[in-house]
Amino acid sequence: MTRRKLLSFVGLGALLASTGAAWAAISRSRNPYYQGPVSDHFNGLVFSDGRTVSKGLADVLRWQTGKREREAFPLAYQAPPQDKPPARVEGVRIVHLGHASFLYQAAGLNLLIDPVYSLRASPFSFIGPRRVNAPGVAFADLPKIDAVLITHNHYDHLDIETLALLHARDRPRMIMPLGNDSIVRARIPDARAEAHDWNDRLTLSDAVAVTLVPSYHWSARGAFDRRMALWCSYMLETPAAKIFHIGDTGYHDGSLYEDLGSRHGPFDLAVLPIGAYEPRWFMSDNHMNPDEAVKVMLALRAQQAIGHHWGTFQLTDEGVERPPEALKAALAEAGLPEERFRPMRPGLSWNV
């Protein structure tokens, strides 16, 4: 057996082992995270974004154990120097912490989105995708955090250990889609965790509001809890800028983003994932590529965009530099200037 296939089998073993707690919970309840009324996107057991998505564990096995064209990440991928944010900002300042994690400072409010400070995006400390650069802001340099926004429960977005550290230090409000609060409270019983549905609009301060909106994605912490917690994107309204933030999404036919752009746009900024997209036969349902990200920026009527979800954890087969290279090519193909949509590296910031 080759080393690559051995690592694939070890990774699959970790995936299956991580389902133990979820399976025990499901044996007590059909959905361990959420019990609520049936809706147009919840059938009483699982959530849906309206698509028919057929990929399952058999496809994971086919991808992980079959012939692959995988370009391995380097052990270290140099990032700009770590940012040292101010205590508060009256306009808008956004710092990329790495992968899909961001610090938003807006109108005197400090928010984190999908903060991951752990070394691995994994249920285990000894195996799973390992970060190749430090967070863009050291944890000790984070200002006091008022609220945390979680887009969904995958380990590269919902990092329980980071949330526990934030709770112990700042006791922030934690906002997330339906069902994810149960996951947080299982580790942090007194967390200020609250769960909301798509299209719920929440006031964060006198000046800042956030709305949960759909995305083309899914959820799971193991192999037996697929789609049992909801996922979302966020629209942030601030006095200085209106921002659309996607943690993860597929493109599908693009109609969701045409609709959201028509009803809620234009936006000053779209924060969009551009990585973790190869191989396309497997990833296209739930992860868009840079060409599709440009289409989403245009559909949302966004004046500018920044790209994330690349360059920190290797989740898929493309190399570390492929997303920014593909984004540059997609912008040229669309006749757009490179400054319209910039790939963002950890420690870099965007300011109004």
Protein backbone atom coordinates (compact mmCIF):
# COMPACT_ATOMS: atom_id res chain seq x y z
CA MET A 1 0.00 0.00 0.00
CA THR A 2 1.38 3.43 -0.92
CA ARG A 3 1.96 6.08 1.74
CA ARG A 4 -0.75 8.25 0.17
CA LYS A 5 -3.33 5.47 0.33
CA LEU A 6 -2.28 4.62 3.87
CA LEU A 7 -2.89 8.22 4.91
CA SER A 8 -6.25 8.12 3.14
CA PHE A 9 -7.29 5.03 5.08
CA VAL A 10 -6.09 6.60 8.34
CA GLY A 11 -8.14 9.70 7.54
CA LEU A 12 -11.20 7.57 6.85
CA GLY A 13 -10.69 5.78 10.14
CA ALA A 14 -10.60 9.11 11.92
CA LEU A 15 -13.80 10.15 10.17
CA LEU A 16 -15.61 7.00 11.23
CA ALA A 17 -14.24 7.15 14.77
CA SER A 18 -15.44 10.75 15.10
CA THR A 19 -19.02 9.60 14.62
CA GLY A 20 -19.19 7.74 17.91
CA ALA A 21 -20.70 10.56 19.96
CA ALA A 22 -23.10 11.51 17.18
CA TRP A 23 -24.21 7.89 16.75
CA ALA A 24 -24.82 7.53 20.49
CA ALA A 25 -26.91 10.69 20.45
CA ILE A 26 -28.88 9.59 17.41
CA SER A 27 -29.69 6.31 19.16
CA ARG A 28 -31.51 8.42 21.75
CA SER A 29 -33.12 10.82 19.30
CA ARG A 30 -33.55 10.78 15.53
CA ASN A 31 -31.99 14.24 15.36
CA PRO A 32 -29.59 14.92 18.25
CA TYR A 33 -29.29 18.64 17.56
CA TYR A 34 -32.67 20.07 16.68
CA GLN A 35 -36.34 19.27 17.19
CA GLY A 36 -38.62 21.82 15.61
CA PRO A 37 -41.55 22.31 13.25
CA VAL A 38 -41.46 21.09 9.67
CA SER A 39 -40.72 23.87 7.17
CA ASP A 40 -39.86 24.27 3.51
CA HIS A 41 -36.24 23.37 4.38
CA PHE A 42 -36.69 21.00 7.35
CA ASN A 43 -38.62 17.72 7.08
CA GLY A 44 -38.60 16.90 10.77
CA LEU A 45 -35.26 15.06 10.58
CA VAL A 46 -32.86 16.80 8.19
CA PHE A 47 -32.42 20.18 6.52
CA SER A 48 -32.32 20.82 2.78
CA ASP A 49 -31.43 23.72 0.51
CA GLY A 50 -33.77 22.51 -2.23
CA ARG A 51 -31.23 20.63 -4.33
CA THR A 52 -30.89 16.91 -4.95
CA VAL A 53 -27.37 16.08 -3.75
CA SER A 54 -26.40 12.44 -4.15
CA LYS A 55 -22.80 12.33 -2.88
CA GLY A 56 -22.32 10.08 0.15
CA LEU A 57 -19.81 7.93 2.01
CA ALA A 58 -19.27 5.68 -1.01
CA ASP A 59 -18.16 8.74 -2.99
CA VAL A 60 -15.81 9.76 -0.16
CA LEU A 61 -14.24 6.29 -0.36
CA ARG A 62 -13.95 6.51 -4.14
CA TRP A 63 -12.22 9.91 -3.89
CA GLN A 64 -9.91 9.03 -1.01
CA THR A 65 -8.80 5.60 -2.20
CA GLY A 66 -8.95 5.95 -5.98
CA LYS A 67 -6.46 7.44 -8.41
CA ARG A 68 -5.96 11.10 -7.49
CA GLU A 69 -4.07 14.07 -8.86
CA ARG A 70 -3.31 15.65 -5.51
CA GLU A 71 -0.80 18.47 -5.13
CA ALA A 72 0.31 18.43 -1.49
CA PHE A 73 0.53 21.64 0.52
CA PRO A 74 3.94 22.66 1.84
CA LEU A 75 4.55 22.11 5.57
CA ALA A 76 4.64 25.90 5.94
CA TYR A 77 3.12 28.54 3.67
CA GLN A 78 4.40 31.98 4.53
CA ALA A 79 1.78 34.60 5.37
CA PRO A 80 2.11 38.35 5.94
CA PRO A 81 3.01 39.48 9.47
CA GLN A 82 0.25 39.08 12.03
CA ASP A 83 -2.10 42.04 12.34
CA LYS A 84 -2.55 43.90 15.64
CA PRO A 85 -6.09 45.29 15.47
CA PRO A 86 -7.24 48.34 17.39
CA ALA A 87 -9.60 47.97 20.36
CA ARG A 88 -12.57 49.39 18.42
CA VAL A 89 -13.26 50.81 14.94
CA GLU A 90 -15.96 53.29 14.00
CA GLY A 91 -15.99 52.46 10.29
CA VAL A 92 -15.42 48.90 9.05
CA ARG A 93 -12.21 46.91 9.31
CA ILE A 94 -11.97 43.22 8.37
CA VAL A 95 -8.92 41.04 9.06
CA HIS A 96 -8.45 37.55 7.65
CA LEU A 97 -7.40 35.13 10.39
CA GLY A 98 -6.85 32.24 7.95
CA HIS A 99 -8.99 29.78 5.99
CA ALA A 100 -12.59 30.92 6.66
CA SER A 101 -11.95 32.84 9.92
CA PHE A 102 -12.36 36.61 10.12
CA LEU A 103 -12.34 39.47 12.61
CA TYR A 104 -14.92 42.11 11.73
CA GLN A 105 -14.74 45.49 13.47
CA ALA A 106 -17.71 47.71 12.62
CA ALA A 107 -19.27 50.77 14.28
CA GLY A 108 -17.61 50.01 17.61
CA LEU A 109 -18.54 46.29 17.54
CA ASN A 110 -16.07 43.39 17.38
CA LEU A 111 -17.24 40.19 15.66
CA LEU A 112 -15.59 36.92 14.79
CA ILE A 113 -16.86 34.72 11.97
CA ASP A 114 -16.02 31.00 12.03
CA PRO A 115 -12.97 31.44 14.29
CA VAL A 116 -10.54 28.49 14.18
CA TYR A 117 -7.39 28.81 16.28
CA SER A 118 -6.76 25.07 16.61
CA LEU A 119 -3.74 23.52 14.89
CA ARG A 120 -5.98 21.06 13.02
CA ALA A 121 -9.41 21.32 11.42
CA SER A 122 -10.36 17.96 12.89
CA PRO A 123 -12.08 16.29 15.84
CA PHE A 124 -8.61 15.07 16.87
CA SER A 125 -5.42 16.86 17.87
CA PHE A 126 -3.13 14.29 16.24
CA ILE A 127 -4.64 13.76 12.76
CA GLY A 128 -6.58 15.73 10.19
CA PRO A 129 -5.84 18.84 8.10
CA ARG A 130 -3.03 20.79 9.79
CA ARG A 131 -2.65 24.53 9.38
CA VAL A 132 0.40 25.68 7.44
CA ASN A 133 0.45 29.25 8.76
CA ALA A 134 -0.35 30.97 12.04
CA PRO A 135 -3.65 32.81 12.52
CA GLY A 136 -3.56 36.32 11.07
CA VAL A 137 -4.12 37.80 14.54
CA ALA A 138 -2.63 36.11 17.60
CA PHE A 139 -5.33 35.10 20.08
CA ALA A 140 -3.79 37.32 22.75
CA ASP A 141 -4.02 40.29 20.35
CA LEU A 142 -7.74 39.88 19.64
CA PRO A 143 -9.76 42.79 21.02
CA LYS A 144 -12.68 42.03 23.32
CA ILE A 145 -15.16 40.07 21.19
CA ASP A 146 -18.83 41.04 21.40
CA ALA A 147 -20.30 38.36 19.14
CA VAL A 148 -19.32 35.26 17.19
CA LEU A 149 -21.10 34.20 13.99
CA ILE A 150 -20.93 30.54 12.94
CA THR A 151 -21.95 29.54 9.41
CA HIS A 152 -22.11 25.74 9.90
CA ASN A 153 -20.73 22.87 11.92
CA HIS A 154 -17.86 21.47 9.84
CA TYR A 155 -14.62 21.37 11.83
CA ASP A 156 -12.93 24.02 9.69
CA HIS A 157 -15.72 26.46 10.64
CA LEU A 158 -17.02 25.44 14.08
CA ASP A 159 -14.00 24.99 16.36
CA ILE A 160 -15.30 24.14 19.83
CA GLU A 161 -11.96 24.67 21.55
CA THR A 162 -11.62 28.19 20.16
CA LEU A 163 -15.20 28.97 21.22
CA ALA A 164 -14.41 27.69 24.73
CA LEU A 165 -11.40 30.03 24.94
CA LEU A 166 -13.48 32.98 23.76
CA HIS A 167 -16.25 32.15 26.22
CA ALA A 168 -13.82 31.99 29.12
CA ARG A 169 -12.23 35.32 28.15
CA ASP A 170 -15.08 37.47 26.81
CA ARG A 171 -18.41 35.57 27.13
CA PRO A 172 -19.48 36.77 23.66
CA ARG A 173 -22.90 36.29 22.16
CA MET A 174 -22.70 33.28 19.82
CA ILE A 175 -25.05 33.27 16.82
CA MET A 176 -25.50 30.24 14.57
CA PRO A 177 -28.07 28.39 12.43
CA LEU A 178 -30.60 25.99 13.93
CA GLY A 179 -29.20 22.99 15.79
CA ASN A 180 -25.63 24.21 16.11
CA ASP A 181 -26.26 25.64 19.57
CA SER A 182 -26.70 22.07 20.86
CA ILE A 183 -23.19 21.21 19.66
CA VAL A 184 -21.73 24.26 21.41
CA ARG A 185 -23.58 23.72 24.70
CA ALA A 186 -22.47 20.09 24.86
CA ARG A 187 -18.91 21.44 25.35
CA ILE A 188 -19.73 24.85 26.90
CA PRO A 189 -22.96 24.45 28.92
CA ASP A 190 -23.30 28.12 29.87
CA ALA A 191 -22.35 29.55 26.47
CA ARG A 192 -24.45 32.46 25.25
CA ALA A 193 -25.32 30.38 22.19
CA GLU A 194 -28.45 31.11 20.19
CA ALA A 195 -29.72 29.44 17.02
CA HIS A 196 -31.76 31.05 14.27
CA ASP A 197 -33.40 30.16 10.98
CA TRP A 198 -32.82 31.44 7.47
CA ASN A 199 -34.07 34.99 6.94
CA ASP A 200 -33.97 35.87 10.65
CA ARG A 201 -32.62 39.40 11.11
CA LEU A 202 -30.83 40.13 14.38
CA THR A 203 -29.79 43.43 15.92
CA LEU A 204 -26.23 43.33 17.24
CA SER A 205 -26.09 46.98 18.29
CA ASP A 206 -27.82 50.26 17.54
CA ALA A 207 -25.82 50.45 14.32
CA VAL A 208 -25.18 46.85 13.20
CA ALA A 209 -27.56 44.09 12.15
CA VAL A 210 -27.06 40.64 10.65
CA THR A 211 -29.39 38.36 8.67
CA LEU A 212 -28.97 34.61 8.17
CA VAL A 213 -29.59 33.58 4.56
CA PRO A 214 -29.36 30.26 2.66
CA SER A 215 -26.32 28.80 0.94
CA TYR A 216 -25.77 25.66 -1.13
CA HIS A 217 -24.04 23.50 1.44
CA TRP A 218 -24.58 20.84 4.13
CA SER A 219 -23.59 19.95 7.69
CA ALA A 220 -22.08 17.06 9.68
CA ARG A 221 -19.74 16.39 12.58
CA GLY A 222 -19.53 12.67 11.75
CA ALA A 223 -20.87 10.08 9.30
CA PHE A 224 -24.36 9.70 10.78
CA ASP A 225 -25.54 13.29 11.38
CA ARG A 226 -25.55 14.68 7.85
CA ARG A 227 -27.79 17.75 7.41
CA MET A 228 -29.14 17.53 10.98
CA ALA A 229 -28.02 21.09 11.76
CA LEU A 230 -28.66 24.06 9.50
CA TRP A 231 -26.02 26.07 7.59
CA CYS A 232 -26.12 29.68 6.38
CA SER A 233 -24.44 32.75 4.97
CA TYR A 234 -24.67 36.19 6.59
CA MET A 235 -25.63 39.66 5.42
CA LEU A 236 -24.14 42.38 7.63
CA GLU A 237 -25.56 45.89 7.69
CA THR A 238 -23.33 48.63 9.08
CA PRO A 239 -23.40 52.44 8.65
CA ALA A 240 -20.24 52.29 6.52
CA ALA A 241 -20.78 49.17 4.40
CA LYS A 242 -23.20 46.40 3.50
CA ILE A 243 -21.43 43.04 3.35
CA PHE A 244 -22.35 39.54 2.17
CA HIS A 245 -20.33 36.79 3.85
CA ILE A 246 -20.32 33.15 2.68
CA GLY A 247 -18.49 30.53 4.72
CA ASP A 248 -18.99 27.67 2.25
CA THR A 249 -21.22 27.12 -0.76
CA GLY A 250 -21.61 25.35 -4.05
CA TYR A 251 -22.69 27.28 -7.13
CA HIS A 252 -25.41 24.96 -8.51
CA ASP A 253 -27.21 27.05 -11.17
CA GLY A 254 -26.43 30.38 -9.47
CA SER A 255 -30.13 31.19 -9.04
CA LEU A 256 -29.89 31.55 -5.24
CA TYR A 257 -27.34 34.34 -5.55
CA GLU A 258 -29.16 36.03 -8.40
CA ASP A 259 -32.22 36.14 -6.15
CA LEU A 260 -30.33 37.38 -3.08
CA GLY A 261 -28.53 40.02 -5.13
CA SER A 262 -31.79 41.20 -6.68
CA ARG A 263 -33.64 41.39 -3.36
CA HIS A 264 -30.88 42.63 -1.06
CA GLY A 265 -28.09 44.07 -3.20
CA PRO A 266 -26.06 45.90 -4.11
CA PHE A 267 -23.34 45.10 -1.58
CA ASP A 268 -20.18 47.04 -0.89
CA LEU A 269 -18.25 43.84 -0.29
CA ALA A 270 -18.72 40.11 -0.78
CA VAL A 271 -16.50 37.76 1.26
CA LEU A 272 -16.44 34.54 -0.74
CA PRO A 273 -14.73 31.12 -0.59
CA ILE A 274 -12.42 30.37 -3.51
CA GLY A 275 -10.68 27.16 -2.41
CA ALA A 276 -11.25 23.46 -1.61
CA TYR A 277 -12.82 22.70 -4.99
CA GLU A 278 -10.95 19.75 -6.58
CA PRO A 279 -11.89 17.20 -7.84
CA ARG A 280 -14.90 18.87 -9.37
CA TRP A 281 -16.89 15.63 -9.77
CA PHE A 282 -16.96 15.38 -5.98
CA MET A 283 -16.66 18.94 -4.67
CA SER A 284 -18.85 20.97 -7.05
CA ASP A 285 -22.09 20.30 -5.13
CA ASN A 286 -20.85 22.14 -2.06
CA HIS A 287 -17.69 24.12 -2.88
CA MET A 288 -17.53 26.62 -5.72
CA ASN A 289 -14.34 27.26 -7.67
CA PRO A 290 -12.86 30.71 -8.40
CA ASP A 291 -14.67 31.03 -11.73
CA GLU A 292 -18.00 30.44 -9.98
CA ALA A 293 -17.02 32.81 -7.17
CA VAL A 294 -16.64 35.61 -9.74
CA LYS A 295 -20.14 34.81 -10.98
CA VAL A 296 -21.48 34.97 -7.43
CA MET A 297 -19.81 38.35 -6.86
CA LEU A 298 -21.53 39.70 -9.95
CA ALA A 299 -24.87 38.08 -9.07
CA LEU A 300 -24.78 39.72 -5.63
CA ARG A 301 -24.08 43.12 -7.24
CA ALA A 302 -20.98 43.46 -5.05
CA GLN A 303 -18.65 46.36 -5.72
CA GLN A 304 -15.66 44.40 -4.40
CA ALA A 305 -14.89 40.89 -3.17
CA ILE A 306 -12.23 39.18 -1.12
CA GLY A 307 -11.49 35.47 -1.37
CA HIS A 308 -10.91 33.09 1.53
CA HIS A 309 -11.04 29.32 2.28
CA TRP A 310 -7.62 28.69 0.77
CA GLY A 311 -3.96 28.57 1.80
CA THR A 312 -4.27 27.40 5.44
CA PHE A 313 -5.76 23.88 5.61
CA GLN A 314 -5.56 21.40 2.75
CA LEU A 315 -9.01 19.85 2.49
CA THR A 316 -9.00 18.85 -1.18
CA ASP A 317 -6.65 18.11 -4.08
CA GLU A 318 -5.61 21.47 -5.54
CA GLY A 319 -2.28 22.99 -4.53
CA VAL A 320 -1.90 25.94 -2.20
CA GLU A 321 -1.37 28.54 -4.99
CA ARG A 322 -4.03 27.24 -7.38
CA PRO A 323 -7.02 29.24 -6.06
CA PRO A 324 -5.44 32.71 -6.49
CA GLU A 325 -4.06 31.68 -9.90
CA ALA A 326 -7.49 30.47 -11.01
CA LEU A 327 -9.13 33.63 -9.63
CA LYS A 328 -6.77 35.81 -11.66
CA ALA A 329 -7.63 33.84 -14.80
CA ALA A 330 -11.38 34.00 -14.08
CA LEU A 331 -11.26 37.79 -13.65
CA ALA A 332 -9.35 38.18 -16.92
CA GLU A 333 -11.88 35.95 -18.70
CA ALA A 334 -14.72 38.13 -17.32
CA GLY A 335 -12.92 41.35 -18.31
CA LEU A 336 -12.65 42.52 -14.70
CA PRO A 337 -9.67 44.17 -12.99
CA GLU A 338 -7.77 42.11 -10.42
CA GLU A 339 -8.41 44.71 -7.70
CA ARG A 340 -12.16 44.00 -7.96
CA PHE A 341 -11.71 40.58 -6.30
CA ARG A 342 -8.59 39.92 -4.25
CA PRO A 343 -7.54 36.64 -2.65
CA MET A 344 -6.89 37.38 1.02
CA ARG A 345 -4.05 35.88 3.05
CA PRO A 346 -3.93 35.65 6.85
CA GLY A 347 -3.05 38.97 8.47
CA LEU A 348 -4.31 41.14 5.61
CA SER A 349 -7.15 43.61 6.19
CA TRP A 350 -9.89 45.45 4.28
CA ASN A 351 -10.95 48.89 5.47
CA VAL A 352 -13.67 51.48 4.94
